[in-house]
Amino acid sequence: MSAATTTSTRTKLKFSAPQLTVIQAQALVTTWLITGFVAFGVAWGLGLQAAWWHRILLALPVIGLGVADAYRVDHVMEFRARLTRSLADLDWVQIPLAIGGGAWLLGLVPAVGTRLVIIGLIVLVAVLYSYAPHATAPAGGAR
């Protein structure tokens, strides 16, 4: 066997950027960002405090899962599909949780009383919004 034969039969691993459509990229970014923000929103609601570098370390797995998803790792793609359904099940609650998660990432963790007032206001606005006259009428209409 010559040296030319052995070098030509070697397999070289090449890592290239994933080829994503705009819709795929949008789905990846929004799913993983909202997931991270909602998870951090739970930490905000519980009043957990962490140094800035702890918060960055906690964000790294979400970023890693997003990158693995972009490279089409099967298990991660299946996890994202289940995660998307779970986020949809949260309905409107995911928005205040995501806002709280952003506040937690920025280090804005108020006292317990303040958090309870903010959570109460969010629930009040959601309830008022659902009963507002501009809310969608039930199917079939009512006279």
Protein backbone atom coordinates (compact mmCIF):
# COMPACT_ATOMS: atom_id res chain seq x y z
CA MET A 1 0.00 0.00 0.00
CA SER A 2 1.45 3.30 -0.98
CA ALA A 3 1.32 6.55 0.95
CA ALA A 4 -0.99 8.06 -1.68
CA THR A 5 -3.54 5.27 -1.15
CA THR A 6 -3.64 5.59 2.63
CA THR A 7 -4.14 9.35 2.59
CA SER A 8 -6.89 9.18 -0.02
CA THR A 9 -8.90 6.59 1.91
CA ARG A 10 -8.93 8.56 5.17
CA THR A 11 -12.19 10.19 6.07
CA LYS A 12 -11.97 13.82 7.01
CA LEU A 13 -14.58 15.39 9.21
CA LYS A 14 -15.81 18.72 7.98
CA PHE A 15 -17.94 21.01 10.06
CA SER A 16 -19.90 23.50 8.08
CA ALA A 17 -22.58 25.92 9.09
CA PRO A 18 -26.06 24.41 9.08
CA GLN A 19 -28.21 25.28 6.08
CA LEU A 20 -31.39 26.68 7.60
CA THR A 21 -34.30 28.42 5.95
CA VAL A 22 -35.52 31.65 7.47
CA ILE A 23 -38.54 29.89 8.99
CA GLN A 24 -36.35 27.15 10.53
CA ALA A 25 -33.96 29.72 11.99
CA GLN A 26 -36.86 31.73 13.37
CA ALA A 27 -38.38 28.61 14.98
CA LEU A 28 -35.05 27.64 16.54
CA VAL A 29 -34.25 31.06 17.92
CA THR A 30 -37.70 31.83 19.28
CA THR A 31 -38.25 28.40 20.84
CA TRP A 32 -34.93 28.29 22.66
CA LEU A 33 -35.00 31.95 23.73
CA ILE A 34 -38.54 31.73 25.08
CA THR A 35 -37.67 28.45 26.82
CA GLY A 36 -34.70 30.07 28.53
CA PHE A 37 -36.67 33.15 29.49
CA VAL A 38 -39.56 31.10 30.89
CA ALA A 39 -37.20 28.90 32.92
CA PHE A 40 -35.44 31.98 34.27
CA GLY A 41 -38.86 33.52 34.95
CA VAL A 42 -39.57 30.68 37.33
CA ALA A 43 -36.29 31.51 39.08
CA TRP A 44 -37.39 35.17 39.25
CA GLY A 45 -40.76 34.21 40.70
CA LEU A 46 -39.07 32.05 43.33
CA GLY A 47 -36.70 34.87 44.21
CA LEU A 48 -33.55 32.91 43.42
CA GLN A 49 -30.49 35.09 43.30
CA ALA A 50 -27.26 34.42 41.47
CA ALA A 51 -24.13 36.31 40.52
CA TRP A 52 -23.88 37.53 36.92
CA TRP A 53 -21.53 34.73 35.94
CA HIS A 54 -23.88 32.12 37.43
CA ARG A 55 -26.66 33.46 35.22
CA ILE A 56 -24.40 33.24 32.16
CA LEU A 57 -23.44 29.66 33.05
CA LEU A 58 -27.12 28.77 33.37
CA ALA A 59 -27.83 30.24 29.93
CA LEU A 60 -25.11 28.17 28.23
CA PRO A 61 -27.09 24.89 28.11
CA VAL A 62 -29.97 26.65 26.34
CA ILE A 63 -27.52 28.07 23.80
CA GLY A 64 -25.88 24.65 23.40
CA LEU A 65 -29.24 22.98 22.78
CA GLY A 66 -30.06 25.63 20.19
CA VAL A 67 -26.78 24.99 18.37
CA ALA A 68 -27.30 21.21 18.52
CA ASP A 69 -30.80 21.73 17.14
CA ALA A 70 -29.42 23.84 14.29
CA TYR A 71 -27.10 20.95 13.40
CA ARG A 72 -30.16 18.68 13.38
CA VAL A 73 -29.34 16.39 16.29
CA ASP A 74 -32.35 14.04 16.34
CA HIS A 75 -32.97 13.88 20.09
CA VAL A 76 -32.70 17.65 20.44
CA MET A 77 -35.10 18.22 17.54
CA GLU A 78 -37.64 15.87 19.16
CA PHE A 79 -37.14 17.65 22.49
CA ARG A 80 -37.77 21.02 20.79
CA ALA A 81 -41.02 19.72 19.30
CA ARG A 82 -42.25 18.57 22.73
CA LEU A 83 -41.02 21.81 24.27
CA THR A 84 -42.94 23.87 21.72
CA ARG A 85 -46.15 22.03 22.61
CA SER A 86 -45.45 22.58 26.32
CA LEU A 87 -44.90 26.30 25.79
CA ALA A 88 -48.15 26.49 23.84
CA ASP A 89 -49.92 24.79 26.77
CA LEU A 90 -48.71 27.57 29.05
CA ASP A 91 -50.73 29.98 26.89
CA TRP A 92 -50.56 33.58 28.15
CA VAL A 93 -48.56 32.67 31.28
CA GLN A 94 -45.39 32.27 29.22
CA ILE A 95 -45.29 36.03 28.49
CA PRO A 96 -45.03 37.25 32.12
CA LEU A 97 -42.68 34.38 32.92
CA ALA A 98 -40.45 35.36 30.00
CA ILE A 99 -40.48 38.99 31.15
CA GLY A 100 -39.57 37.88 34.68
CA GLY A 101 -36.82 35.71 33.19
CA GLY A 102 -35.35 38.69 31.38
CA ALA A 103 -35.45 40.67 34.61
CA TRP A 104 -33.74 37.79 36.43
CA LEU A 105 -31.00 37.62 33.80
CA LEU A 106 -30.41 41.34 34.28
CA GLY A 107 -30.20 40.84 38.04
CA LEU A 108 -33.48 42.62 38.84
CA VAL A 109 -34.89 40.54 41.68
CA PRO A 110 -37.16 42.66 43.89
CA ALA A 111 -38.35 41.77 47.36
CA VAL A 112 -41.09 39.16 47.85
CA GLY A 113 -43.84 41.72 48.33
CA THR A 114 -42.95 43.54 45.14
CA ARG A 115 -42.87 40.28 43.16
CA LEU A 116 -46.28 39.31 44.51
CA VAL A 117 -47.73 42.70 43.56
CA ILE A 118 -46.29 42.41 40.04
CA ILE A 119 -47.64 38.86 39.66
CA GLY A 120 -51.04 40.01 40.94
CA LEU A 121 -51.12 42.89 38.46
CA ILE A 122 -50.26 40.57 35.59
CA VAL A 123 -53.07 38.18 36.55
CA LEU A 124 -55.50 41.09 36.98
CA VAL A 125 -54.67 42.50 33.54
CA ALA A 126 -55.04 39.04 31.99
CA VAL A 127 -58.45 38.53 33.61
CA LEU A 128 -59.63 42.00 32.59
CA TYR A 129 -58.39 41.45 29.07
CA SER A 130 -60.29 38.17 28.76
CA TYR A 131 -63.55 39.86 29.87
CA ALA A 132 -63.07 43.00 27.78
CA PRO A 133 -65.70 43.75 25.10
CA HIS A 134 -63.08 43.48 22.36
CA ALA A 135 -62.43 39.84 23.22
CA THR A 136 -63.32 37.34 20.53
CA ALA A 137 -66.96 36.23 20.60
CA PRO A 138 -67.67 32.53 20.93
CA ALA A 139 -68.32 30.62 17.72
CA GLY A 140 -71.87 31.00 16.48
CA GLY A 141 -72.28 34.43 18.05
CA ALA A 142 -74.85 35.44 20.65
CA ARG A 143 -77.80 37.78 20.27
